[in-house]
Amino acid sequence: MARDFQVTQFDGETFRLSEQIKSDVVVLNFWYPSCPPCREEMPAFQEAWLELQDQSVRFLGLFVPQGFDSEQDARDFVSELGLTFPFATDRLALIADAYDLEAFPKTYFIDTNGKIVATHLSRLTTDQITGLVRGIISERHS
């Protein structure tokens, strides 16, 4: 089961997992700006988000401060790539710890029952992301 958490998104809105999963599948991506595979997979997340945003899904990019990367670096990266899905900072890496994060990037796919139905370590493609999300959404409706 996914651990509940609450963060303030870069846009000032609050994201609480237990609230989101009442209606939406949640795609949770842990990343940081100077991580090469994190940088490489972000355009795939953006494409998948554009393809899926009218469905019952919420994406959250969770920046976990590593090394010299600051929240400003993360915000600059999001803006530079024109990413339009929500982002937030896991300030003390408490969420990463709760999710036993061992490497980056790591993505969790959480269904509306709060169950982690898939995890993926390393880069994902747009097709992998959309395929997993559509699979989880169709399971829910069957």
Protein backbone atom coordinates (compact mmCIF):
# COMPACT_ATOMS: atom_id res chain seq x y z
CA MET A 1 0.00 0.00 0.00
CA ALA A 2 1.15 3.53 -0.74
CA ARG A 3 2.07 5.66 2.26
CA ASP A 4 -0.05 8.81 2.52
CA PHE A 5 1.72 12.17 2.35
CA GLN A 6 1.01 15.83 1.79
CA VAL A 7 3.19 18.37 -0.03
CA THR A 8 2.85 21.90 -1.35
CA GLN A 9 3.23 21.93 -5.12
CA PHE A 10 5.39 24.47 -6.93
CA ASP A 11 2.17 26.32 -7.86
CA GLY A 12 1.18 26.65 -4.18
CA GLU A 13 -1.59 24.03 -4.30
CA THR A 14 -1.65 21.20 -1.75
CA PHE A 15 -1.30 17.60 -2.93
CA ARG A 16 -2.48 14.96 -0.48
CA LEU A 17 -2.23 11.40 -1.78
CA SER A 18 -5.26 10.07 0.15
CA GLU A 19 -7.42 12.82 -1.41
CA GLN A 20 -6.13 12.27 -4.96
CA ILE A 21 -6.63 8.51 -5.02
CA LYS A 22 -10.32 8.88 -4.15
CA SER A 23 -10.90 9.64 -7.82
CA ASP A 24 -7.60 9.31 -9.70
CA VAL A 25 -4.76 6.93 -10.39
CA VAL A 26 -1.54 8.63 -9.22
CA VAL A 27 1.79 8.51 -11.04
CA LEU A 28 4.49 9.53 -8.58
CA ASN A 29 7.95 10.21 -10.02
CA PHE A 30 10.96 10.80 -7.73
CA TRP A 31 13.72 12.80 -9.44
CA TYR A 32 16.33 15.56 -9.17
CA PRO A 33 17.70 17.95 -11.86
CA SER A 34 21.33 16.79 -12.12
CA CYS A 35 20.33 13.11 -12.55
CA PRO A 36 20.90 12.30 -16.27
CA PRO A 37 18.22 9.57 -16.62
CA CYS A 38 15.76 11.84 -14.74
CA ARG A 39 16.40 14.61 -17.26
CA GLU A 40 16.11 12.21 -20.19
CA GLU A 41 12.75 10.76 -19.16
CA MET A 42 10.95 14.03 -18.34
CA PRO A 43 9.86 14.72 -21.96
CA ALA A 44 8.21 11.25 -21.96
CA PHE A 45 6.30 12.16 -18.78
CA GLN A 46 5.18 15.42 -20.37
CA GLU A 47 3.98 13.61 -23.52
CA ALA A 48 2.18 10.99 -21.44
CA TRP A 49 0.59 13.73 -19.31
CA LEU A 50 -0.68 15.56 -22.41
CA GLU A 51 -2.11 12.30 -23.72
CA LEU A 52 -3.75 11.28 -20.42
CA GLN A 53 -4.66 14.52 -18.64
CA ASP A 54 -8.37 14.27 -19.50
CA GLN A 55 -8.56 10.85 -17.82
CA SER A 56 -8.73 9.88 -14.13
CA VAL A 57 -5.01 10.33 -13.45
CA ARG A 58 -2.78 12.71 -11.55
CA PHE A 59 0.97 13.01 -12.13
CA LEU A 60 3.32 14.37 -9.47
CA GLY A 61 7.01 14.99 -10.01
CA LEU A 62 8.58 14.84 -6.55
CA PHE A 63 11.94 16.59 -6.43
CA VAL A 64 14.19 15.06 -3.76
CA PRO A 65 17.11 17.40 -2.95
CA GLN A 66 20.41 15.70 -3.80
CA GLY A 67 23.93 17.15 -3.80
CA PHE A 68 23.96 20.75 -4.98
CA ASP A 69 20.47 20.72 -6.54
CA SER A 70 18.19 23.32 -4.96
CA GLU A 71 14.44 23.74 -5.32
CA GLN A 72 15.22 26.71 -7.59
CA ASP A 73 17.23 24.37 -9.86
CA ALA A 74 14.21 22.04 -9.94
CA ARG A 75 11.83 24.92 -10.73
CA ASP A 76 14.19 26.19 -13.46
CA PHE A 77 14.36 22.70 -14.98
CA VAL A 78 10.54 22.37 -15.01
CA SER A 79 10.21 25.77 -16.65
CA GLU A 80 13.06 25.17 -19.14
CA LEU A 81 11.41 21.94 -20.35
CA GLY A 82 7.91 23.47 -20.33
CA LEU A 83 6.57 20.71 -18.06
CA THR A 84 2.89 21.26 -17.27
CA PHE A 85 2.07 18.54 -14.72
CA PRO A 86 2.40 19.24 -10.97
CA PHE A 87 5.73 19.22 -9.13
CA ALA A 88 6.62 19.49 -5.45
CA THR A 89 9.69 19.19 -3.22
CA ASP A 90 10.22 16.33 -0.78
CA ARG A 91 12.13 18.72 1.50
CA LEU A 92 13.73 16.32 3.96
CA ALA A 93 13.38 13.24 1.75
CA LEU A 94 10.78 11.94 4.21
CA ILE A 95 8.51 10.71 1.42
CA ALA A 96 11.45 9.09 -0.39
CA ASP A 97 12.31 7.33 2.89
CA ALA A 98 8.70 6.20 3.40
CA TYR A 99 8.78 4.72 -0.12
CA ASP A 100 12.17 3.01 0.44
CA LEU A 101 13.67 4.90 -2.48
CA GLU A 102 17.04 3.43 -3.39
CA ALA A 103 17.86 5.09 -6.73
CA PHE A 104 16.63 7.67 -9.23
CA PRO A 105 14.50 8.10 -11.18
CA LYS A 106 11.85 5.90 -9.63
CA THR A 107 8.16 5.96 -10.49
CA TYR A 108 5.23 4.53 -8.56
CA PHE A 109 1.83 3.82 -10.12
CA ILE A 110 -0.86 3.93 -7.42
CA ASP A 111 -4.45 2.84 -7.98
CA THR A 112 -7.61 4.32 -6.44
CA ASN A 113 -7.45 1.77 -3.61
CA GLY A 114 -4.08 3.18 -2.59
CA LYS A 115 -2.24 0.09 -3.80
CA ILE A 116 1.12 0.46 -5.54
CA VAL A 117 0.39 -1.60 -8.64
CA ALA A 118 3.69 -0.97 -10.43
CA THR A 119 7.08 0.59 -9.77
CA HIS A 120 9.75 1.37 -12.30
CA LEU A 121 13.38 2.18 -11.61
CA SER A 122 15.22 4.01 -14.40
CA ARG A 123 13.88 5.71 -17.51
CA LEU A 124 10.36 5.21 -18.78
CA THR A 125 9.07 5.87 -22.29
CA THR A 126 5.81 7.64 -23.10
CA ASP A 127 4.27 4.32 -24.24
CA GLN A 128 5.28 2.56 -21.02
CA ILE A 129 3.71 5.32 -18.90
CA THR A 130 0.47 5.58 -20.91
CA GLY A 131 0.18 1.78 -21.14
CA LEU A 132 0.53 1.30 -17.38
CA VAL A 133 -1.92 4.11 -16.57
CA ARG A 134 -4.52 2.93 -19.08
CA GLY A 135 -4.18 -0.61 -17.71
CA ILE A 136 -4.82 0.56 -14.15
CA ILE A 137 -7.78 2.74 -15.21
CA SER A 138 -9.39 -0.09 -17.20
CA GLU A 139 -8.91 -2.53 -14.26
CA ARG A 140 -10.86 -0.09 -12.13
CA HIS A 141 -13.76 -0.01 -14.57
CA SER A 142 -13.95 -3.76 -15.10
